């Protein structure tokens, strides 16, 4: 039977299971720990950006694992870091938005020169 004769619904491209978003590699979806490459892909960044952030002690928390000291990220820590970034951004957090702040009034006195 030729492949084109098989109904599309019967063709499975991979193992059954929950759908994986296109931005996640199957390996990254199965583990709680991510390499720099997988963490960068998960965050939509380049691995170089994560290395620079780590050097500057910025960005998501990471640690060294194993005898070779491979840099790793916990998926839960990445998710928490993303939430922190959202809360720190005034566009996502209306409490920080300057547009929602009460107007400030100047006092009537002027400072002389």
C-alpha atoms as a PDB file:
ATOM      1  CA  UNK A   1       0.000   0.000   0.000  1.00  0.00           C
ATOM      2  CA  UNK A   2       1.417   3.339  -1.012  1.00  0.00           C
ATOM      3  CA  UNK A   3       1.805   6.024   1.688  1.00  0.00           C
ATOM      4  CA  UNK A   4      -0.552   8.415  -0.102  1.00  0.00           C
ATOM      5  CA  UNK A   5      -3.331   5.815   0.173  1.00  0.00           C
ATOM      6  CA  UNK A   6      -3.105   5.729   3.991  1.00  0.00           C
ATOM      7  CA  UNK A   7      -5.542   8.143   5.642  1.00  0.00           C
ATOM      8  CA  UNK A   8      -3.716  11.080   7.235  1.00  0.00           C
ATOM      9  CA  UNK A   9      -5.344  10.411  10.638  1.00  0.00           C
ATOM     10  CA  UNK A  10      -3.676   6.982  10.820  1.00  0.00           C
ATOM     11  CA  UNK A  11      -0.143   8.267  10.219  1.00  0.00           C
ATOM     12  CA  UNK A  12       1.695   8.990  13.457  1.00  0.00           C
ATOM     13  CA  UNK A  13       4.765  11.172  13.229  1.00  0.00           C
ATOM     14  CA  UNK A  14       6.008  10.389  16.728  1.00  0.00           C
ATOM     15  CA  UNK A  15       5.233   8.563  19.938  1.00  0.00           C
ATOM     16  CA  UNK A  16       1.795   9.140  21.431  1.00  0.00           C
ATOM     17  CA  UNK A  17       1.583  11.589  24.310  1.00  0.00           C
ATOM     18  CA  UNK A  18       0.839  15.189  25.113  1.00  0.00           C
ATOM     19  CA  UNK A  19       1.564  17.681  22.349  1.00  0.00           C
ATOM     20  CA  UNK A  20       4.883  19.503  22.576  1.00  0.00           C
ATOM     21  CA  UNK A  21       5.068  23.124  21.521  1.00  0.00           C
ATOM     22  CA  UNK A  22       7.232  23.793  18.468  1.00  0.00           C
ATOM     23  CA  UNK A  23       9.691  25.848  20.547  1.00  0.00           C
ATOM     24  CA  UNK A  24      10.467  22.877  22.820  1.00  0.00           C
ATOM     25  CA  UNK A  25      12.663  20.021  21.761  1.00  0.00           C
ATOM     26  CA  UNK A  26      11.341  16.582  22.788  1.00  0.00           C
ATOM     27  CA  UNK A  27      14.381  16.058  25.015  1.00  0.00           C
ATOM     28  CA  UNK A  28      13.815  19.391  26.808  1.00  0.00           C
ATOM     29  CA  UNK A  29      10.161  18.484  27.392  1.00  0.00           C
ATOM     30  CA  UNK A  30      11.164  15.314  29.285  1.00  0.00           C
ATOM     31  CA  UNK A  31      13.592  16.751  31.808  1.00  0.00           C
ATOM     32  CA  UNK A  32      13.480  19.120  34.763  1.00  0.00           C
ATOM     33  CA  UNK A  33      17.071  20.195  34.050  1.00  0.00           C
ATOM     34  CA  UNK A  34      18.086  22.019  30.893  1.00  0.00           C
ATOM     35  CA  UNK A  35      21.472  22.623  29.328  1.00  0.00           C
ATOM     36  CA  UNK A  36      22.425  26.135  28.246  1.00  0.00           C
ATOM     37  CA  UNK A  37      21.354  25.312  24.697  1.00  0.00           C
ATOM     38  CA  UNK A  38      17.977  23.911  25.781  1.00  0.00           C
ATOM     39  CA  UNK A  39      17.367  26.744  28.275  1.00  0.00           C
ATOM     40  CA  UNK A  40      18.154  29.313  25.578  1.00  0.00           C
ATOM     41  CA  UNK A  41      15.721  27.612  23.207  1.00  0.00           C
ATOM     42  CA  UNK A  42      13.089  27.478  25.964  1.00  0.00           C
ATOM     43  CA  UNK A  43      13.476  31.221  26.628  1.00  0.00           C
ATOM     44  CA  UNK A  44      13.801  32.193  22.972  1.00  0.00           C
ATOM     45  CA  UNK A  45      17.328  33.521  23.449  1.00  0.00           C
ATOM     46  CA  UNK A  46      20.752  32.632  22.141  1.00  0.00           C
ATOM     47  CA  UNK A  47      23.060  30.466  24.273  1.00  0.00           C
ATOM     48  CA  UNK A  48      25.592  33.305  24.103  1.00  0.00           C
ATOM     49  CA  UNK A  49      23.124  35.635  25.853  1.00  0.00           C
ATOM     50  CA  UNK A  50      22.747  33.152  28.721  1.00  0.00           C
ATOM     51  CA  UNK A  51      26.528  32.805  29.037  1.00  0.00           C
ATOM     52  CA  UNK A  52      26.943  36.601  29.163  1.00  0.00           C
ATOM     53  CA  UNK A  53      24.138  36.962  31.726  1.00  0.00           C
ATOM     54  CA  UNK A  54      25.682  34.211  33.860  1.00  0.00           C
ATOM     55  CA  UNK A  55      29.078  35.925  33.726  1.00  0.00           C
ATOM     56  CA  UNK A  56      27.454  39.231  34.801  1.00  0.00           C
ATOM     57  CA  UNK A  57      25.359  37.432  37.464  1.00  0.00           C
ATOM     58  CA  UNK A  58      22.160  38.423  35.670  1.00  0.00           C
ATOM     59  CA  UNK A  59      19.348  36.391  34.194  1.00  0.00           C
ATOM     60  CA  UNK A  60      17.824  33.164  35.450  1.00  0.00           C
ATOM     61  CA  UNK A  61      19.565  31.171  38.180  1.00  0.00           C
ATOM     62  CA  UNK A  62      21.901  28.425  37.006  1.00  0.00           C
ATOM     63  CA  UNK A  63      24.326  25.978  38.590  1.00  0.00           C
ATOM     64  CA  UNK A  64      27.094  23.572  37.673  1.00  0.00           C
ATOM     65  CA  UNK A  65      26.292  19.858  37.660  1.00  0.00           C
ATOM     66  CA  UNK A  66      28.517  16.829  37.546  1.00  0.00           C
ATOM     67  CA  UNK A  67      32.251  16.260  37.513  1.00  0.00           C
ATOM     68  CA  UNK A  68      32.726  18.404  34.410  1.00  0.00           C
ATOM     69  CA  UNK A  69      30.766  21.282  35.897  1.00  0.00           C
ATOM     70  CA  UNK A  70      28.230  21.571  33.094  1.00  0.00           C
ATOM     71  CA  UNK A  71      26.038  24.680  33.440  1.00  0.00           C
ATOM     72  CA  UNK A  72      22.413  23.686  33.972  1.00  0.00           C
ATOM     73  CA  UNK A  73      19.066  25.381  34.558  1.00  0.00           C
ATOM     74  CA  UNK A  74      16.005  24.065  36.369  1.00  0.00           C
ATOM     75  CA  UNK A  75      12.861  24.407  34.271  1.00  0.00           C
ATOM     76  CA  UNK A  76      10.903  25.556  37.362  1.00  0.00           C
ATOM     77  CA  UNK A  77      13.530  28.245  38.056  1.00  0.00           C
ATOM     78  CA  UNK A  78      13.219  29.489  34.470  1.00  0.00           C
ATOM     79  CA  UNK A  79       9.434  29.699  34.807  1.00  0.00           C
ATOM     80  CA  UNK A  80       9.759  31.567  38.121  1.00  0.00           C
ATOM     81  CA  UNK A  81      12.310  33.959  36.586  1.00  0.00           C
ATOM     82  CA  UNK A  82       9.940  34.659  33.680  1.00  0.00           C
ATOM     83  CA  UNK A  83       7.141  35.456  36.163  1.00  0.00           C
ATOM     84  CA  UNK A  84       9.495  37.830  38.029  1.00  0.00           C
ATOM     85  CA  UNK A  85      10.322  39.590  34.770  1.00  0.00           C
ATOM     86  CA  UNK A  86       6.633  40.016  33.995  1.00  0.00           C
ATOM     87  CA  UNK A  87       5.932  41.446  37.454  1.00  0.00           C
ATOM     88  CA  UNK A  88       8.879  43.866  37.225  1.00  0.00           C
ATOM     89  CA  UNK A  89       7.663  45.250  33.886  1.00  0.00           C
ATOM     90  CA  UNK A  90       5.248  48.166  34.215  1.00  0.00           C
ATOM     91  CA  UNK A  91       3.470  47.119  31.022  1.00  0.00           C
ATOM     92  CA  UNK A  92       2.549  43.770  32.585  1.00  0.00           C
ATOM     93  CA  UNK A  93       2.085  44.957  36.159  1.00  0.00           C
ATOM     94  CA  UNK A  94      -0.435  47.803  36.321  1.00  0.00           C
ATOM     95  CA  UNK A  95       0.639  48.650  39.891  1.00  0.00           C
ATOM     96  CA  UNK A  96       3.998  49.788  38.477  1.00  0.00           C
ATOM     97  CA  UNK A  97       2.570  51.675  35.523  1.00  0.00           C
ATOM     98  CA  UNK A  98       3.246  55.424  35.665  1.00  0.00           C
ATOM     99  CA  UNK A  99      -0.097  55.940  33.953  1.00  0.00           C
ATOM    100  CA  UNK A 100      -1.996  54.495  36.921  1.00  0.00           C
ATOM    101  CA  UNK A 101      -0.064  56.521  39.522  1.00  0.00           C
ATOM    102  CA  UNK A 102      -1.706  59.512  41.204  1.00  0.00           C
ATOM    103  CA  UNK A 103      -0.598  62.837  39.706  1.00  0.00           C
ATOM    104  CA  UNK A 104       2.127  64.617  41.612  1.00  0.00           C
ATOM    105  CA  UNK A 105       1.680  68.272  42.541  1.00  0.00           C
ATOM    106  CA  UNK A 106       4.508  70.722  42.865  1.00  0.00           C
ATOM    107  CA  UNK A 107       4.807  72.826  45.957  1.00  0.00           C
ATOM    108  CA  UNK A 108       4.322  76.554  45.497  1.00  0.00           C
ATOM    109  CA  UNK A 109       7.817  77.563  46.530  1.00  0.00           C
ATOM    110  CA  UNK A 110      10.650  78.178  44.144  1.00  0.00           C
ATOM    111  CA  UNK A 111      14.284  77.616  44.870  1.00  0.00           C
ATOM    112  CA  UNK A 112      16.429  80.693  44.220  1.00  0.00           C
ATOM    113  CA  UNK A 113      19.827  80.728  42.638  1.00  0.00           C
END
